Protein backbone atom coordinates (compact mmCIF):
# COMPACT_ATOMS: atom_id res chain seq x y z
CA MET A 1 0.00 0.00 0.00
CA SER A 2 1.39 3.39 -0.92
CA GLU A 3 2.35 5.96 1.70
CA LYS A 4 -0.37 8.27 0.39
CA VAL A 5 -3.05 5.62 0.91
CA GLN A 6 -1.66 4.88 4.37
CA VAL A 7 -2.74 8.36 5.48
CA LEU A 8 -6.34 7.10 5.44
CA VAL A 9 -5.40 4.18 7.66
CA ARG A 10 -3.60 6.52 10.07
CA LEU A 11 -6.53 8.94 10.04
CA PHE A 12 -9.02 6.21 10.97
CA GLU A 13 -6.68 4.97 13.71
CA THR A 14 -6.44 8.52 15.05
CA ILE A 15 -10.23 8.80 15.07
CA ILE A 16 -10.46 5.54 17.03
CA ASN A 17 -7.79 6.70 19.47
CA ARG A 18 -9.42 10.08 20.03
CA SER A 19 -12.94 8.70 20.35
CA ASN A 20 -12.46 8.24 24.11
CA ASP A 21 -10.69 11.55 24.71
CA ASP A 22 -12.22 14.44 26.60
CA PRO A 23 -14.66 16.18 24.21
CA ASN A 24 -13.33 19.53 25.48
CA ASN A 25 -9.90 18.64 24.13
CA SER A 26 -10.69 16.74 20.93
CA TYR A 27 -12.92 17.73 18.03
CA THR A 28 -13.30 14.07 17.12
CA ALA A 29 -14.40 13.14 20.64
CA GLN A 30 -16.76 16.10 20.66
CA LEU A 31 -18.41 15.03 17.40
CA LEU A 32 -18.79 11.45 18.56
CA SER A 33 -20.16 12.48 21.96
CA GLU A 34 -22.84 14.65 20.33
CA GLY A 35 -24.46 11.59 18.79
CA GLN A 36 -25.17 10.17 15.38
CA GLU A 37 -27.37 13.11 14.34
CA LYS A 38 -24.42 15.50 14.70
CA CYS A 39 -22.12 13.14 12.77
CA ILE A 40 -24.73 12.86 10.01
CA ALA A 41 -25.28 16.62 9.89
CA LYS A 42 -21.54 17.30 9.58
CA LEU A 43 -21.19 14.77 6.78
CA LYS A 44 -24.08 16.41 4.91
CA GLU A 45 -22.53 19.84 5.44
CA GLU A 46 -19.14 18.74 4.11
CA ALA A 47 -20.70 16.95 1.14
CA LEU A 48 -22.62 20.09 0.21
CA GLU A 49 -19.50 22.24 0.56
CA THR A 50 -17.63 19.84 -1.73
CA VAL A 51 -20.42 19.99 -4.31
CA ASP A 52 -20.53 23.79 -4.08
CA ALA A 53 -16.78 23.95 -4.71
CA ALA A 54 -17.20 21.70 -7.74
CA GLU A 55 -20.04 23.82 -9.09
CA ASN A 56 -17.73 26.83 -8.77
CA ASN A 57 -14.90 24.98 -10.53
CA ASP A 58 -12.66 25.79 -7.56
CA ILE A 59 -10.07 23.01 -7.64
CA ASN A 60 -8.29 24.08 -4.46
CA GLN A 61 -11.57 24.25 -2.56
CA ILE A 62 -12.66 20.87 -3.95
CA ILE A 63 -9.45 19.38 -2.56
CA TYR A 64 -9.89 21.10 0.80
CA GLU A 65 -13.55 20.16 1.17
CA SER A 66 -12.89 16.59 -0.01
CA ALA A 67 -10.42 16.15 2.83
CA ASP A 68 -13.06 17.42 5.28
CA LEU A 69 -15.64 15.13 3.71
CA ILE A 70 -13.43 12.06 4.04
CA TYR A 71 -12.60 12.89 7.67
CA HIS A 72 -16.28 13.27 8.56
CA LEU A 73 -17.15 10.06 6.69
CA LEU A 74 -14.59 8.18 8.77
CA VAL A 75 -16.01 9.73 11.95
CA LEU A 76 -19.45 8.50 10.87
CA TRP A 77 -18.04 5.00 10.33
CA LYS A 78 -16.63 5.08 13.86
CA LYS A 79 -19.93 6.30 15.29
CA PHE A 80 -21.72 3.35 13.69
CA GLU A 81 -18.84 0.96 14.53
CA ILE A 82 -18.18 0.26 10.86
CA SER A 83 -14.64 -0.79 10.00
CA PRO A 84 -12.88 0.19 6.79
CA ASP A 85 -12.59 -3.55 6.07
CA GLN A 86 -16.39 -3.76 5.86
CA ILE A 87 -16.36 -1.00 3.24
CA TYR A 88 -13.49 -2.66 1.36
CA ASP A 89 -15.41 -5.95 1.36
CA GLU A 90 -18.48 -4.22 -0.06
CA LEU A 91 -16.40 -2.54 -2.76
CA SER A 92 -14.76 -5.88 -3.60
CA SER A 93 -18.16 -7.55 -3.92
CA ARG A 94 -19.13 -4.96 -6.51
CA GLU A 95 -15.97 -5.29 -8.56
CA GLY A 96 -16.77 -6.25 -12.13
CA LYS A 97 -20.51 -5.96 -11.57
CA THR A 98 -21.03 -2.32 -12.47
CA GLY A 99 -20.80 -0.46 -15.71
CA ILE A 100 -22.57 -0.33 -18.97
CA ARG A 101 -21.93 -3.08 -21.49
CA LYS A 102 -22.35 -2.49 -25.17
């Protein structure tokens, strides 16, 4: 696995590690302590900001908002106790099954 892909692994591990921290000292712990509704709302917000950046053709903002979106998606996974492996398994099960054949 490339070093650049490893950053996602490290990010998810950091989210797990911070999930039990004091919410006054950790944004991740704060999000998780506020419940699934807050995690869902933040993911929606970041998705909309990413879409807005794309609609404005703002490449730098798309990159910035995409990073926020991925972080908040991983927080949501943690909130629902979903592991990245579960997502990878789902993606693997879809491999070769999508697309349009002519």
